[in-house]
Amino acid sequence: PRAGAGSFAERGVDPGVGARRWAAAAVVGLGLVGCDGAQGRTDATAPDRSRVASAAPATTTEAATTTGAATTSARPRSEALAALAGLPVKGRAPKTGYDREEFGTPWLDIDQNGCDTRNDVLARVLQSAVFDASCAAVSGTLLDPYSGQAERFAPDDPSATAIDIDHVVALGDAWQKGAQQLDLATRIQFANDPLNLAAVDASLNRQKGDGDAATWLPPDRSYRCTYVATQIAVKSRYLLWVAAAERDAMERILAGCPGQVLPESERPPLPTVDPTSGPTSAGPPGSPPANRPYRNCADARAAGDAPLYRGDPGYSPDLDGDGDGIACE
């Protein structure tokens, strides 16, 4: 502890003892600075992030001083950070060949429970939900995780908030970071995996686009740790990679929640039929064959499905002339 003002002689202290104590303190101080690997590490000594992480959480060892003696303690590393360290770091691949159909037709019933994936998600998150006989959600209240706001869900009411089912790891981002190397059945599973799906305000989903954590984060800061951890879990499950800027952004977010765990959900079964040769489910009455887009708006209106919202069975950008996410309005 630092003493009060005055010289060593005035305080009755042997100057040699004082000098030796200050020298020892300086050595300890320099030693602690040298232990700060996170601040002083250069790229040449940074861990190889391209290696796949082991299943067991990693640990970090930190030096501590207690009454002048050095002791060592081990703390478990954040599960999310450990998984992030195991993701390969590469640049974006070209988007050549990307099309929504490369991930199957939205939305399929790959778990064959009689409801398509969109309505499965809505059934999971909507409060006071009402569904019609065809398994389509017609009303409810959504607590939007991205905004933190309660939104009224009513597809037939133009004054209600439009709700999209967002791919937390966007399909375009996934395509450029390894998904193009997956087979079609696995990409269909990726697009319908509950782990990677969130019901959110449509305007926020469109604002996000194909962005990763370096370019877009939910406006509700309290959800960002869960959002980033979900992206890490999805990319780990499907062996995708992250870009350097994306990894850095994830690390910054997770620094604020050092105990963040990875979310889990059951993986849906892989499609049991060739998705290019026929339907995976009969679909609700009035829906287009195999839940594929309507050929035109006349067919959609004849089936009573107009207007169509982005993410609805039968929706296609080709039917959405002004690109506002609502077709055949």
Protein backbone atom coordinates (compact mmCIF):
# COMPACT_ATOMS: atom_id res chain seq x y z
CA PRO A 1 0.00 0.00 0.00
CA ARG A 2 1.21 3.46 -0.84
CA ALA A 3 2.27 5.45 2.29
CA GLY A 4 1.42 9.06 3.06
CA ALA A 5 3.43 12.13 2.08
CA GLY A 6 6.95 12.76 3.36
CA SER A 7 10.42 11.32 2.78
CA PHE A 8 11.54 7.92 3.98
CA ALA A 9 13.72 9.64 6.62
CA GLU A 10 10.82 11.76 7.88
CA ARG A 11 8.68 8.61 8.32
CA GLY A 12 11.51 6.73 10.07
CA VAL A 13 11.81 4.12 7.29
CA ASP A 14 15.14 2.71 6.08
CA PRO A 15 15.50 4.12 2.50
CA GLY A 16 17.05 0.86 1.34
CA VAL A 17 14.00 -1.12 2.45
CA GLY A 18 11.66 1.33 0.73
CA ALA A 19 13.64 1.22 -2.50
CA ARG A 20 13.65 -2.56 -2.53
CA ARG A 21 9.86 -2.64 -1.94
CA TRP A 22 9.15 -0.20 -4.82
CA ALA A 23 11.47 -2.19 -7.11
CA ALA A 24 9.66 -5.42 -6.26
CA ALA A 25 6.30 -3.78 -6.93
CA ALA A 26 7.54 -2.58 -10.31
CA VAL A 27 8.62 -6.12 -11.25
CA VAL A 28 5.23 -7.52 -10.22
CA GLY A 29 3.49 -4.79 -12.23
CA LEU A 30 5.54 -5.58 -15.34
CA GLY A 31 4.81 -9.26 -14.86
CA LEU A 32 1.06 -8.65 -14.74
CA VAL A 33 1.19 -6.58 -17.91
CA GLY A 34 3.02 -9.43 -19.62
CA CYS A 35 0.27 -11.88 -18.61
CA ASP A 36 -2.40 -9.91 -20.43
CA GLY A 37 -2.48 -12.11 -23.54
CA ALA A 38 -5.82 -10.79 -24.74
CA GLN A 39 -4.50 -7.22 -25.02
CA GLY A 40 -0.94 -7.82 -26.09
CA ARG A 41 -1.36 -10.75 -28.48
CA THR A 42 -0.47 -10.16 -32.12
CA ASP A 43 -1.94 -11.88 -35.14
CA ALA A 44 1.12 -14.10 -35.33
CA THR A 45 0.39 -15.58 -31.89
CA ALA A 46 -3.44 -15.59 -32.09
CA PRO A 47 -5.11 -19.01 -31.79
CA ASP A 48 -5.83 -20.83 -35.03
CA ARG A 49 -9.58 -20.23 -35.43
CA SER A 50 -9.85 -22.54 -38.42
CA ARG A 51 -9.69 -25.64 -36.22
CA VAL A 52 -12.95 -27.22 -35.14
CA ALA A 53 -13.59 -26.85 -31.41
CA SER A 54 -13.92 -29.91 -29.20
CA ALA A 55 -17.28 -30.61 -27.58
CA ALA A 56 -15.98 -29.79 -24.10
CA PRO A 57 -15.96 -26.08 -23.15
CA ALA A 58 -12.49 -24.55 -23.23
CA THR A 59 -10.92 -23.00 -20.15
CA THR A 60 -8.82 -19.93 -19.59
CA THR A 61 -6.19 -19.54 -16.89
CA GLU A 62 -5.65 -16.20 -15.26
CA ALA A 63 -2.99 -15.05 -12.79
CA ALA A 64 -4.07 -13.48 -9.50
CA THR A 65 -2.11 -12.05 -6.60
CA THR A 66 -3.13 -12.45 -2.99
CA THR A 67 -1.01 -10.86 -0.24
CA GLY A 68 1.99 -10.80 -2.56
CA ALA A 69 1.85 -14.50 -3.57
CA ALA A 70 0.90 -15.59 -7.10
CA THR A 71 -1.93 -18.10 -7.37
CA THR A 72 -3.50 -19.70 -10.44
CA SER A 73 -7.21 -20.29 -11.03
CA ALA A 74 -9.11 -21.77 -13.98
CA ARG A 75 -12.46 -20.42 -15.14
CA PRO A 76 -14.69 -22.20 -17.68
CA ARG A 77 -14.94 -20.26 -20.91
CA SER A 78 -18.31 -19.15 -22.27
CA GLU A 79 -19.93 -21.99 -24.22
CA ALA A 80 -20.82 -19.57 -27.02
CA LEU A 81 -17.28 -18.14 -27.18
CA ALA A 82 -15.77 -21.63 -27.19
CA ALA A 83 -18.01 -22.64 -30.10
CA LEU A 84 -17.17 -19.42 -31.95
CA ALA A 85 -13.46 -20.17 -31.58
CA GLY A 86 -14.09 -23.50 -33.30
CA LEU A 87 -15.68 -21.98 -36.42
CA PRO A 88 -13.42 -21.58 -39.46
CA VAL A 89 -12.73 -17.98 -40.48
CA LYS A 90 -12.83 -17.29 -44.22
CA GLY A 91 -13.98 -14.63 -46.64
CA ARG A 92 -17.35 -14.72 -48.36
CA ALA A 93 -17.59 -17.02 -51.34
CA PRO A 94 -19.25 -15.65 -54.49
CA LYS A 95 -23.04 -15.65 -54.45
CA THR A 96 -23.04 -17.29 -57.87
CA GLY A 97 -25.83 -19.82 -58.24
CA TYR A 98 -27.80 -18.68 -55.19
CA ASP A 99 -31.57 -18.92 -55.37
CA ARG A 100 -34.18 -19.38 -52.66
CA GLU A 101 -35.14 -22.66 -54.31
CA GLU A 102 -31.67 -24.00 -53.47
CA PHE A 103 -33.04 -24.29 -49.91
CA GLY A 104 -36.35 -25.81 -50.96
CA THR A 105 -39.76 -24.25 -51.42
CA PRO A 106 -41.06 -22.14 -48.54
CA TRP A 107 -42.66 -23.43 -46.43
CA LEU A 108 -42.60 -27.22 -46.39
CA ASP A 109 -43.92 -29.68 -43.83
CA ILE A 110 -40.74 -31.67 -43.43
CA ASP A 111 -41.71 -33.04 -40.01
CA GLN A 112 -45.00 -34.24 -41.57
CA ASN A 113 -47.19 -33.03 -38.73
CA GLY A 114 -49.78 -31.59 -41.09
CA CYS A 115 -48.63 -27.97 -40.71
CA ASP A 116 -45.98 -26.17 -42.71
CA THR A 117 -42.88 -24.74 -41.05
CA ARG A 118 -44.13 -21.15 -40.99
CA ASN A 119 -47.22 -22.09 -38.99
CA ASP A 120 -45.20 -24.42 -36.77
CA VAL A 121 -43.08 -21.41 -35.79
CA LEU A 122 -46.12 -19.21 -35.23
CA ALA A 123 -47.74 -21.91 -33.08
CA ARG A 124 -44.59 -21.95 -30.96
CA VAL A 125 -44.34 -18.21 -30.32
CA LEU A 126 -47.75 -16.56 -30.71
CA GLN A 127 -49.75 -15.78 -27.58
CA SER A 128 -53.54 -16.22 -27.70
CA ALA A 129 -53.10 -17.77 -31.15
CA VAL A 130 -56.03 -18.76 -33.34
CA PHE A 131 -55.61 -21.18 -36.25
CA ASP A 132 -58.04 -22.10 -38.99
CA ALA A 133 -58.91 -25.63 -40.14
CA SER A 134 -55.99 -25.64 -42.61
CA CYS A 135 -53.48 -25.03 -39.80
CA ALA A 136 -52.84 -21.41 -40.78
CA ALA A 137 -52.46 -18.84 -37.99
CA VAL A 138 -55.12 -16.14 -38.30
CA SER A 139 -54.54 -14.07 -35.17
CA GLY A 140 -52.46 -13.74 -32.04
CA THR A 141 -49.91 -11.57 -30.28
CA LEU A 142 -46.20 -11.77 -30.97
CA LEU A 143 -43.50 -10.62 -28.59
CA ASP A 144 -40.96 -9.69 -31.25
CA PRO A 145 -37.50 -10.72 -30.03
CA TYR A 146 -35.73 -8.27 -32.34
CA SER A 147 -37.59 -5.15 -31.18
CA GLY A 148 -38.78 -6.29 -27.76
CA GLN A 149 -42.25 -5.00 -28.66
CA ALA A 150 -45.61 -6.81 -28.53
CA GLU A 151 -47.12 -6.91 -32.03
CA ARG A 152 -50.65 -7.78 -33.09
CA PHE A 153 -50.67 -10.60 -35.64
CA ALA A 154 -53.60 -10.64 -38.06
CA PRO A 155 -52.64 -11.35 -41.70
CA ASP A 156 -56.07 -10.30 -42.99
CA ASP A 157 -55.93 -6.92 -41.24
CA PRO A 158 -53.76 -4.35 -43.09
CA SER A 159 -53.45 -2.29 -39.90
CA ALA A 160 -51.74 -5.17 -38.04
CA THR A 161 -47.98 -5.63 -38.09
CA ALA A 162 -46.71 -7.80 -40.93
CA ILE A 163 -44.81 -10.77 -39.49
CA ASP A 164 -42.02 -12.64 -41.27
CA ILE A 165 -40.28 -15.86 -40.33
CA ASP A 166 -36.62 -14.85 -40.31
CA HIS A 167 -33.71 -17.19 -40.89
CA VAL A 168 -31.41 -16.11 -38.05
CA VAL A 169 -28.49 -17.13 -40.24
CA ALA A 170 -29.75 -15.70 -43.50
CA LEU A 171 -29.93 -18.09 -46.44
CA GLY A 172 -27.82 -15.81 -48.63
CA ASP A 173 -25.18 -15.52 -45.91
CA ALA A 174 -25.19 -19.29 -45.41
CA TRP A 175 -24.82 -19.88 -49.16
CA GLN A 176 -21.66 -17.75 -49.23
CA LYS A 177 -20.20 -19.42 -46.14
CA GLY A 178 -20.42 -23.09 -46.87
CA ALA A 179 -24.04 -24.02 -47.54
CA GLN A 180 -23.51 -24.27 -51.28
CA GLN A 181 -21.36 -27.32 -50.50
CA LEU A 182 -24.22 -29.06 -48.65
CA ASP A 183 -26.60 -31.41 -50.46
CA LEU A 184 -30.12 -30.19 -51.22
CA ALA A 185 -31.79 -32.26 -48.50
CA THR A 186 -29.51 -30.75 -45.84
CA ARG A 187 -30.11 -27.23 -47.16
CA ILE A 188 -33.88 -27.86 -46.93
CA GLN A 189 -33.40 -28.96 -43.34
CA PHE A 190 -31.32 -25.81 -42.70
CA ALA A 191 -34.12 -23.59 -44.04
CA ASN A 192 -36.73 -25.34 -41.88
CA ASP A 193 -34.69 -25.90 -38.71
CA PRO A 194 -36.52 -24.38 -35.69
CA LEU A 195 -33.14 -23.42 -34.26
CA ASN A 196 -32.65 -21.03 -37.18
CA LEU A 197 -36.14 -19.54 -37.33
CA ALA A 198 -37.69 -16.55 -35.55
CA ALA A 199 -41.04 -14.81 -36.04
CA VAL A 200 -40.27 -11.09 -36.24
CA ASP A 201 -41.52 -7.74 -37.49
CA ALA A 202 -41.33 -7.97 -41.29
CA SER A 203 -39.72 -4.51 -41.59
CA LEU A 204 -36.80 -5.59 -39.39
CA ASN A 205 -36.38 -8.82 -41.35
CA ARG A 206 -36.16 -6.89 -44.61
CA GLN A 207 -33.81 -4.37 -43.03
CA LYS A 208 -31.50 -7.23 -42.08
CA GLY A 209 -31.52 -8.85 -45.52
CA ASP A 210 -28.60 -11.26 -45.88
CA GLY A 211 -26.56 -9.41 -43.24
CA ASP A 212 -24.37 -11.14 -40.68
CA ALA A 213 -23.48 -9.94 -37.17
CA ALA A 214 -20.97 -7.45 -38.56
CA THR A 215 -23.61 -5.59 -40.59
CA TRP A 216 -26.87 -6.03 -38.66
CA LEU A 217 -27.94 -6.70 -35.07
CA PRO A 218 -31.40 -6.60 -33.45
CA PRO A 219 -32.30 -3.13 -32.16
CA ASP A 220 -33.21 -4.65 -28.78
CA ARG A 221 -29.76 -4.81 -27.18
CA SER A 222 -30.94 -7.22 -24.48
CA TYR A 223 -31.51 -9.87 -27.17
CA ARG A 224 -28.19 -9.53 -28.98
CA CYS A 225 -26.32 -12.14 -26.91
CA THR A 226 -29.00 -14.75 -27.63
CA TYR A 227 -29.13 -13.72 -31.29
CA VAL A 228 -25.38 -14.08 -31.79
CA ALA A 229 -25.25 -17.33 -29.81
CA THR A 230 -28.02 -18.73 -32.03
CA GLN A 231 -26.07 -17.85 -35.17
CA ILE A 232 -23.00 -19.60 -33.74
CA ALA A 233 -25.06 -22.69 -32.86
CA VAL A 234 -26.55 -22.85 -36.37
CA LYS A 235 -23.20 -22.40 -38.10
CA SER A 236 -21.64 -25.04 -35.85
CA ARG A 237 -24.46 -27.49 -36.58
CA TYR A 238 -24.19 -27.10 -40.35
CA LEU A 239 -20.38 -26.71 -40.54
CA LEU A 240 -20.48 -23.18 -41.93
CA TRP A 241 -17.82 -20.54 -41.45
CA VAL A 242 -17.69 -16.90 -40.32
CA ALA A 243 -15.97 -13.89 -41.86
CA ALA A 244 -13.28 -12.11 -39.82
CA ALA A 245 -15.40 -9.00 -39.25
CA GLU A 246 -18.36 -11.19 -38.29
CA ARG A 247 -16.27 -13.10 -35.75
CA ASP A 248 -14.97 -9.86 -34.24
CA ALA A 249 -18.51 -8.47 -33.92
CA MET A 250 -19.66 -11.68 -32.23
CA GLU A 251 -16.78 -11.54 -29.76
CA ARG A 252 -17.63 -7.93 -28.87
CA ILE A 253 -21.26 -8.84 -28.18
CA LEU A 254 -20.39 -11.95 -26.15
CA ALA A 255 -17.91 -9.97 -24.05
CA GLY A 256 -20.96 -8.45 -22.39
CA CYS A 257 -22.45 -11.85 -21.49
CA PRO A 258 -19.52 -14.10 -20.50
CA GLY A 259 -21.81 -16.93 -19.37
CA GLN A 260 -23.75 -17.16 -22.64
CA VAL A 261 -24.74 -20.72 -23.55
CA LEU A 262 -25.74 -22.08 -26.94
CA PRO A 263 -29.47 -22.50 -27.60
CA GLU A 264 -30.65 -25.95 -28.56
CA SER A 265 -33.61 -27.35 -30.45
CA GLU A 266 -34.48 -30.66 -32.00
CA ARG A 267 -33.29 -31.03 -35.53
CA PRO A 268 -36.20 -31.71 -37.93
CA PRO A 269 -36.02 -34.96 -39.90
CA LEU A 270 -34.51 -34.84 -43.36
CA PRO A 271 -37.05 -34.91 -46.20
CA THR A 272 -38.04 -38.48 -47.03
CA VAL A 273 -38.82 -37.76 -50.68
CA ASP A 274 -36.96 -36.05 -53.47
CA PRO A 275 -38.01 -32.39 -53.00
CA THR A 276 -37.71 -31.76 -56.75
CA SER A 277 -40.04 -34.58 -57.77
CA GLY A 278 -43.17 -34.09 -55.68
CA PRO A 279 -44.77 -32.66 -52.57
CA THR A 280 -43.58 -33.48 -49.07
CA SER A 281 -47.11 -32.88 -47.81
CA ALA A 282 -50.52 -32.48 -49.34
CA GLY A 283 -50.76 -28.94 -47.95
CA PRO A 284 -53.89 -27.24 -46.66
CA PRO A 285 -56.96 -26.94 -48.86
CA GLY A 286 -56.64 -24.14 -51.38
CA SER A 287 -52.83 -24.04 -51.25
CA PRO A 288 -50.74 -24.36 -54.41
CA PRO A 289 -49.49 -27.87 -55.31
CA ALA A 290 -46.61 -28.97 -53.04
CA ASN A 291 -46.68 -25.53 -51.42
CA ARG A 292 -45.03 -24.07 -54.49
CA PRO A 293 -45.68 -20.49 -55.65
CA TYR A 294 -48.86 -19.69 -57.52
CA ARG A 295 -48.43 -19.31 -61.26
CA ASN A 296 -50.19 -15.95 -61.15
CA CYS A 297 -52.34 -13.75 -58.93
CA ALA A 298 -55.52 -14.92 -60.60
CA ASP A 299 -54.89 -18.43 -59.23
CA ALA A 300 -54.10 -17.00 -55.77
CA ARG A 301 -57.32 -14.99 -55.74
CA ALA A 302 -59.35 -17.96 -56.99
CA ALA A 303 -58.04 -19.97 -54.04
CA GLY A 304 -58.90 -17.14 -51.64
CA ASP A 305 -55.24 -16.66 -50.67
CA ALA A 306 -54.72 -13.08 -51.85
CA PRO A 307 -52.99 -11.02 -50.68
CA LEU A 308 -49.88 -13.13 -50.11
CA TYR A 309 -47.19 -12.07 -47.67
CA ARG A 310 -43.54 -12.92 -48.02
CA GLY A 311 -43.08 -16.30 -46.32
CA ASP A 312 -46.66 -17.44 -46.97
CA PRO A 313 -47.19 -20.65 -48.96
CA GLY A 314 -47.71 -19.65 -52.58
CA TYR A 315 -45.82 -16.34 -52.33
CA SER A 316 -43.22 -15.56 -54.97
CA PRO A 317 -41.22 -12.39 -55.69
CA ASP A 318 -42.49 -12.71 -59.27
CA LEU A 319 -46.00 -11.95 -57.94
CA ASP A 320 -44.77 -9.00 -55.88
CA GLY A 321 -44.31 -6.32 -58.49
CA ASP A 322 -43.40 -3.48 -56.14
CA GLY A 323 -41.19 -5.63 -53.93
CA ASP A 324 -42.91 -4.60 -50.69
CA GLY A 325 -43.31 -8.18 -49.45
CA ILE A 326 -47.04 -8.32 -50.27
CA ALA A 327 -48.08 -10.03 -53.50
CA CYS A 328 -51.41 -9.86 -55.27
CA GLU A 329 -52.70 -7.06 -53.03
